Amino acid sequence: MKIPSSIWTLLIGIVLTLASLWYGQNHGLMPVQASESATLVDGLFNTMMTVSTGIFLIVEGVLIYCVFKYRRRAGDDTDGPPIEGNVPLEILWTAIPAIIVLGISVYSFDVYSSLNGIEVHAANPEATTEARSMPGSAIAATLSDSQGINSGAVAQNFGMEMPEEPKPADLEVNIMGLQYAWIFTYPETGVTTGELHLPIGKQVEIKMVANDVIHAFWVPEFRLKQDAIPGKESQFRFTPTKEGDYALICAELCGPYHGAMRTTVVVETPEAFDKWMQEQLVASKETLNQAVAVNPTQKSPSQFLTHHTHEMGIQPEVLQQIHQHS
């Protein structure tokens, strides 16, 4: 009994669909999810992997089939049948990729808008990312920034509703990137350190700037990558959801020692974070007392600062590189 080609097509389509869906969810290419935004980013990535796997299997399957089906037989020296263009087929293979690209673009924009509104180099630092992400609010924000016009009045004239002010984050951290280290400051306590500590489950607001050249804040487990630019403050929020130590990597080529510009992000319980903060406050007071007692003229800056690198979490090698290029 010969199975109709339509049945074969249906069966092959089902197998390809199941294989694509399975691999799209089980590829294992992404690191552990350690923030709320990681779920959104991984959902988009898994969707793209599912579509890519399906397209790959279809294209490679057709190629392999054609290689065996239409291969040249021994003793066959005839020409192949003349084939002209197929307009419906060309429309089909043009329309399907266009629809796929459009769908992924809309999905990507939705994910980007949901990532707590990453805002870079805002002309008005007080303008919130949520406000700028509202439809039409860019008009009001731009006018208010450039001409000093009240954005609320502009929005009202355009028939728009201005969003409410966002709730303050649970923790605020100021970050400075410089060749070749990250410096973290907690404005509520005044603690400055070379290692970033965060409480799990608490929303963190980052205000970041670069001291010299462009750097990039990248924590793969958080699915966050944001540039730090000299003279321009970058603001973004995220919520860590998994305890552990994660590598913070500079993902922007910033000089000959770019590869050494990394540090550790420690996500811990709120209790452990509070204990660490108290330890830093005590250590900073002791360091201040030592700094007042020691005559700086008796030691070079490198000798004096190297003694305290372990308290700030800065590697001595990085400090040495900074002194060599200062």
Protein backbone atom coordinates (compact mmCIF):
# COMPACT_ATOMS: atom_id res chain seq x y z
CA MET A 1 0.00 0.00 0.00
CA LYS A 2 1.44 3.33 -1.09
CA ILE A 3 1.16 6.14 1.45
CA PRO A 4 0.00 9.42 -0.14
CA SER A 5 2.54 12.22 -0.26
CA SER A 6 0.20 14.45 1.75
CA ILE A 7 0.32 11.97 4.65
CA TRP A 8 4.11 11.82 4.44
CA THR A 9 4.26 15.62 4.50
CA LEU A 10 1.99 15.74 7.55
CA LEU A 11 4.01 13.11 9.43
CA ILE A 12 7.33 14.78 8.61
CA GLY A 13 5.90 18.17 9.66
CA ILE A 14 4.79 16.76 13.02
CA VAL A 15 8.20 15.18 13.66
CA LEU A 16 10.06 18.38 12.73
CA THR A 17 7.76 20.47 14.92
CA LEU A 18 8.21 18.20 17.95
CA ALA A 19 11.99 18.05 17.44
CA SER A 20 12.21 21.84 17.13
CA LEU A 21 10.08 22.44 20.23
CA TRP A 22 12.11 19.95 22.28
CA TYR A 23 15.50 21.35 21.29
CA GLY A 24 14.29 24.93 21.67
CA GLN A 25 13.57 24.23 25.34
CA ASN A 26 16.46 21.84 26.07
CA HIS A 27 19.47 23.27 24.22
CA GLY A 28 21.40 24.00 27.43
CA LEU A 29 23.24 26.95 25.89
CA MET A 30 22.32 29.56 28.49
CA PRO A 31 23.85 29.91 31.97
CA VAL A 32 21.81 29.63 35.15
CA GLN A 33 18.99 32.15 35.62
CA ALA A 34 19.84 34.47 38.51
CA SER A 35 17.47 37.43 38.01
CA GLU A 36 13.87 38.12 37.10
CA SER A 37 14.88 39.49 33.71
CA ALA A 38 16.63 36.20 32.87
CA THR A 39 13.29 34.45 32.46
CA LEU A 40 12.11 36.98 29.87
CA VAL A 41 15.36 36.89 27.91
CA ASP A 42 15.50 33.09 27.94
CA GLY A 43 11.92 32.89 26.71
CA LEU A 44 12.85 35.01 23.69
CA PHE A 45 16.05 33.03 23.12
CA ASN A 46 14.21 29.69 23.33
CA THR A 47 11.66 30.90 20.80
CA MET A 48 14.41 31.93 18.39
CA MET A 49 16.15 28.57 18.89
CA THR A 50 12.90 26.72 18.17
CA VAL A 51 12.32 28.61 14.93
CA SER A 52 15.99 28.29 13.91
CA THR A 53 16.01 24.56 14.58
CA GLY A 54 12.89 24.04 12.50
CA ILE A 55 14.28 26.03 9.58
CA PHE A 56 17.62 24.20 9.81
CA LEU A 57 15.98 20.76 9.78
CA ILE A 58 13.73 21.65 6.84
CA VAL A 59 16.53 23.12 4.72
CA GLU A 60 19.04 20.36 5.47
CA GLY A 61 16.37 17.68 5.10
CA VAL A 62 15.39 18.94 1.64
CA LEU A 63 19.05 19.12 0.58
CA ILE A 64 19.80 15.58 1.71
CA TYR A 65 16.61 14.28 0.08
CA CYS A 66 17.45 15.98 -3.21
CA VAL A 67 21.05 14.69 -3.16
CA PHE A 68 19.80 11.09 -3.04
CA LYS A 69 16.59 11.49 -5.05
CA TYR A 70 18.02 13.39 -7.98
CA ARG A 71 21.58 12.11 -8.01
CA ARG A 72 23.07 11.17 -11.36
CA ARG A 73 22.74 7.46 -12.13
CA ALA A 74 25.47 5.47 -13.79
CA GLY A 75 25.24 5.68 -17.58
CA ASP A 76 22.77 8.60 -17.53
CA ASP A 77 24.25 11.39 -19.65
CA THR A 78 20.99 13.24 -20.36
CA ASP A 79 20.26 16.77 -19.25
CA GLY A 80 17.94 17.45 -16.38
CA PRO A 81 14.40 18.67 -17.07
CA PRO A 82 14.12 22.44 -17.69
CA ILE A 83 12.51 24.14 -14.68
CA GLU A 84 11.26 27.72 -14.74
CA GLY A 85 10.41 29.98 -11.82
CA ASN A 86 7.48 29.15 -9.56
CA VAL A 87 5.80 32.40 -8.51
CA PRO A 88 3.60 30.93 -5.72
CA LEU A 89 6.62 29.16 -4.23
CA GLU A 90 8.73 32.32 -4.36
CA ILE A 91 5.96 34.29 -2.65
CA LEU A 92 5.70 31.58 0.00
CA TRP A 93 9.39 31.44 0.88
CA THR A 94 9.51 35.23 0.98
CA ALA A 95 6.37 35.73 3.06
CA ILE A 96 7.15 33.10 5.71
CA PRO A 97 10.57 34.54 6.71
CA ALA A 98 9.09 38.04 6.68
CA ILE A 99 6.34 36.97 9.09
CA ILE A 100 8.86 35.18 11.33
CA VAL A 101 11.17 38.21 11.46
CA LEU A 102 8.26 40.56 12.18
CA GLY A 103 6.98 38.30 14.97
CA ILE A 104 10.40 38.01 16.62
CA SER A 105 10.86 41.78 16.34
CA VAL A 106 7.59 42.46 18.15
CA TYR A 107 8.43 39.84 20.78
CA SER A 108 11.93 41.34 21.25
CA PHE A 109 10.54 44.83 21.70
CA ASP A 110 8.06 43.56 24.28
CA VAL A 111 10.86 41.86 26.24
CA TYR A 112 13.02 44.98 26.05
CA SER A 113 10.15 47.13 27.31
CA SER A 114 9.57 44.71 30.19
CA LEU A 115 13.16 44.73 31.44
CA ASN A 116 12.38 47.53 33.88
CA GLY A 117 13.18 50.12 31.22
CA ILE A 118 16.91 50.32 30.66
CA GLU A 119 17.55 54.03 30.18
CA VAL A 120 20.81 55.29 28.77
CA HIS A 121 22.22 58.84 28.62
CA ALA A 122 18.89 60.49 29.41
CA ALA A 123 18.83 64.18 28.63
CA ASN A 124 16.84 64.67 31.80
CA PRO A 125 18.13 62.32 34.54
CA GLU A 126 14.91 62.72 36.49
CA ALA A 127 12.77 61.40 33.64
CA THR A 128 11.87 57.83 34.44
CA THR A 129 12.29 54.97 32.04
CA GLU A 130 8.71 53.94 32.59
CA ALA A 131 7.55 57.36 31.42
CA ARG A 132 9.69 57.24 28.30
CA SER A 133 8.47 53.78 27.41
CA MET A 134 4.82 54.86 27.32
CA PRO A 135 3.35 55.38 23.83
CA GLY A 136 3.76 58.99 22.81
CA SER A 137 5.50 59.98 26.02
CA ALA A 138 8.78 60.41 24.12
CA ILE A 139 7.25 63.52 22.53
CA ALA A 140 6.47 65.03 25.90
CA ALA A 141 9.83 64.05 27.36
CA THR A 142 11.76 65.46 24.40
CA LEU A 143 9.92 68.78 24.46
CA SER A 144 10.28 69.13 28.21
CA ASP A 145 14.00 68.31 28.06
CA SER A 146 14.89 70.64 25.21
CA GLN A 147 12.53 73.58 25.85
CA GLY A 148 11.87 73.45 29.57
CA ILE A 149 8.16 72.76 29.03
CA ASN A 150 6.18 70.89 31.66
CA SER A 151 5.89 67.33 30.37
CA GLY A 152 2.57 66.81 32.12
CA ALA A 153 1.01 69.75 30.27
CA VAL A 154 2.42 68.56 26.97
CA ALA A 155 1.07 65.06 27.53
CA GLN A 156 -2.34 66.47 28.41
CA ASN A 157 -2.43 68.48 25.19
CA PHE A 158 -1.60 65.38 23.20
CA GLY A 159 -4.35 63.43 24.95
CA MET A 160 -1.89 61.18 26.79
CA GLU A 161 -1.88 60.00 30.37
CA MET A 162 1.42 60.42 32.15
CA PRO A 163 2.37 57.36 34.22
CA GLU A 164 2.71 57.51 37.97
CA GLU A 165 6.12 57.94 39.52
CA PRO A 166 7.77 54.51 39.97
CA LYS A 167 8.32 53.13 43.42
CA PRO A 168 11.85 53.58 44.74
CA ALA A 169 14.09 50.55 44.46
CA ASP A 170 14.98 48.52 47.54
CA LEU A 171 18.68 49.24 47.03
CA GLU A 172 20.60 51.84 45.08
CA VAL A 173 24.17 51.33 43.88
CA ASN A 174 26.39 53.79 42.05
CA ILE A 175 28.95 52.18 39.76
CA MET A 176 32.04 53.72 38.24
CA GLY A 177 34.02 51.91 35.57
CA LEU A 178 37.65 52.84 35.06
CA GLN A 179 40.71 51.22 33.58
CA TYR A 180 40.71 48.48 34.79
CA ALA A 181 38.35 48.09 37.75
CA TRP A 182 34.77 48.51 38.93
CA ILE A 183 34.07 50.75 41.92
CA PHE A 184 30.74 50.33 43.73
CA THR A 185 29.27 52.92 46.09
CA TYR A 186 26.19 52.45 48.28
CA PRO A 187 24.88 56.02 48.72
CA GLU A 188 22.67 55.16 51.70
CA THR A 189 25.67 54.13 53.79
CA GLY A 190 28.58 55.70 51.94
CA VAL A 191 30.33 52.32 51.62
CA THR A 192 32.67 52.01 48.64
CA THR A 193 34.01 48.63 47.55
CA GLY A 194 35.44 46.73 44.60
CA GLU A 195 33.03 43.81 44.99
CA LEU A 196 29.29 44.10 44.40
CA HIS A 197 27.07 42.58 47.10
CA LEU A 198 23.30 42.36 46.59
CA PRO A 199 20.43 40.98 48.69
CA ILE A 200 18.37 38.28 47.02
CA GLY A 201 14.81 39.17 46.04
CA LYS A 202 15.36 42.94 46.38
CA GLN A 203 15.06 45.30 43.44
CA VAL A 204 18.35 47.06 42.71
CA GLU A 205 18.69 50.38 40.90
CA ILE A 206 22.03 50.92 39.21
CA LYS A 207 23.37 54.34 38.29
CA MET A 208 26.49 53.85 36.26
CA VAL A 209 29.09 56.06 34.61
CA ALA A 210 32.60 55.58 33.21
CA ASN A 211 35.62 57.54 34.36
CA ASP A 212 37.75 57.36 31.21
CA VAL A 213 36.61 55.23 28.26
CA ILE A 214 33.53 53.15 27.43
CA HIS A 215 33.12 50.03 29.57
CA ALA A 216 30.29 47.48 29.68
CA PHE A 217 28.54 45.98 32.71
CA TRP A 218 27.82 42.34 31.86
CA VAL A 219 26.64 39.57 34.16
CA PRO A 220 25.61 36.61 31.97
CA GLU A 221 23.52 34.98 34.71
CA PHE A 222 21.48 38.18 35.09
CA ARG A 223 21.08 38.53 31.29
CA LEU A 224 22.15 42.15 31.69
CA LYS A 225 24.62 44.02 29.53
CA GLN A 226 24.80 47.79 29.67
CA ASP A 227 27.45 50.28 28.56
CA ALA A 228 29.10 52.70 30.98
CA ILE A 229 29.90 55.91 29.11
CA PRO A 230 32.02 58.86 30.29
CA GLY A 231 29.87 61.85 31.20
CA LYS A 232 26.60 59.97 30.61
CA GLU A 233 24.74 58.21 33.39
CA SER A 234 23.13 54.86 32.59
CA GLN A 235 20.26 53.73 34.82
CA PHE A 236 18.62 50.34 35.03
CA ARG A 237 16.92 48.07 37.53
CA PHE A 238 16.92 44.34 38.15
CA THR A 239 16.09 41.85 40.88
CA PRO A 240 18.52 39.01 41.70
CA THR A 241 16.72 35.74 42.42
CA LYS A 242 19.43 33.16 43.09
CA GLU A 243 22.16 33.14 45.70
CA GLY A 244 25.73 32.69 44.54
CA ASP A 245 28.86 34.36 43.23
CA TYR A 246 28.72 35.64 39.65
CA ALA A 247 31.36 37.16 37.42
CA LEU A 248 30.93 40.81 36.42
CA ILE A 249 32.78 41.20 33.13
CA CYS A 250 33.63 44.26 31.12
CA ALA A 251 32.30 43.40 27.66
CA GLU A 252 33.68 46.48 25.88
CA LEU A 253 37.30 46.58 24.72
CA CYS A 254 38.68 49.31 26.97
CA GLY A 255 42.44 48.94 26.74
CA PRO A 256 45.36 46.50 26.84
CA TYR A 257 44.28 45.02 30.19
CA HIS A 258 40.60 44.76 29.26
CA GLY A 259 40.59 41.02 29.98
CA ALA A 260 41.51 41.65 33.62
CA MET A 261 38.62 44.04 34.24
CA ARG A 262 36.28 41.78 36.11
CA THR A 263 35.04 41.34 39.64
CA THR A 264 32.51 39.30 41.62
CA VAL A 265 28.82 39.92 42.24
CA VAL A 266 27.72 38.25 45.46
CA VAL A 267 24.00 37.58 45.81
CA GLU A 268 23.17 36.65 49.38
CA THR A 269 20.33 36.63 51.88
CA PRO A 270 19.21 40.01 53.27
CA GLU A 271 20.62 38.99 56.65
CA ALA A 272 24.02 38.17 55.18
CA PHE A 273 23.96 41.39 53.16
CA ASP A 274 23.21 43.49 56.26
CA LYS A 275 26.05 41.75 58.13
CA TRP A 276 28.45 42.42 55.25
CA MET A 277 27.38 46.07 55.13
CA GLN A 278 28.05 46.49 58.85
CA GLU A 279 31.48 44.94 58.41
CA GLN A 280 32.24 47.39 55.62
CA LEU A 281 31.15 50.32 57.77
CA VAL A 282 33.44 49.20 60.57
CA ALA A 283 36.31 48.57 58.15
CA SER A 284 35.89 51.98 56.53
CA LYS A 285 36.10 53.70 59.92
CA GLU A 286 39.24 51.77 60.81
CA THR A 287 40.77 52.60 57.42
CA LEU A 288 39.99 56.29 57.95
CA ASN A 289 41.65 56.27 61.36
CA GLN A 290 44.73 54.56 59.90
CA ALA A 291 44.84 57.03 57.03
CA VAL A 292 44.82 59.97 59.48
CA ALA A 293 47.52 58.39 61.66
CA VAL A 294 49.92 57.51 58.82
CA ASN A 295 52.05 60.24 57.27
CA PRO A 296 51.48 59.85 53.50
CA THR A 297 54.96 61.23 52.79
CA GLN A 298 56.50 58.14 54.34
CA LYS A 299 54.93 55.81 51.78
CA SER A 300 54.29 55.95 48.08
CA PRO A 301 50.64 55.88 46.95
CA SER A 302 51.13 52.35 45.64
CA GLN A 303 52.55 51.12 48.95
CA PHE A 304 49.83 52.79 51.01
CA LEU A 305 46.87 51.68 48.90
CA THR A 306 48.10 48.11 48.38
CA HIS A 307 47.74 47.51 52.11
CA HIS A 308 43.99 48.13 51.87
CA THR A 309 43.10 46.35 48.65
CA HIS A 310 41.82 43.26 50.47
CA GLU A 311 39.31 45.42 52.36
CA MET A 312 37.90 46.87 49.13
CA GLY A 313 37.88 43.60 47.23
CA ILE A 314 40.23 44.93 44.54
CA GLN A 315 42.90 42.58 43.25
CA PRO A 316 46.47 43.85 43.80
CA GLU A 317 47.29 43.09 40.15
CA VAL A 318 44.59 45.50 38.99
CA LEU A 319 45.84 48.22 41.34
CA GLN A 320 49.37 47.74 40.04
CA GLN A 321 48.16 48.15 36.47
CA ILE A 322 46.37 51.37 37.41
CA HIS A 323 49.55 52.81 38.95
CA GLN A 324 51.63 51.83 35.95
CA HIS A 325 49.33 53.82 33.63
CA SER A 326 48.60 56.76 35.91
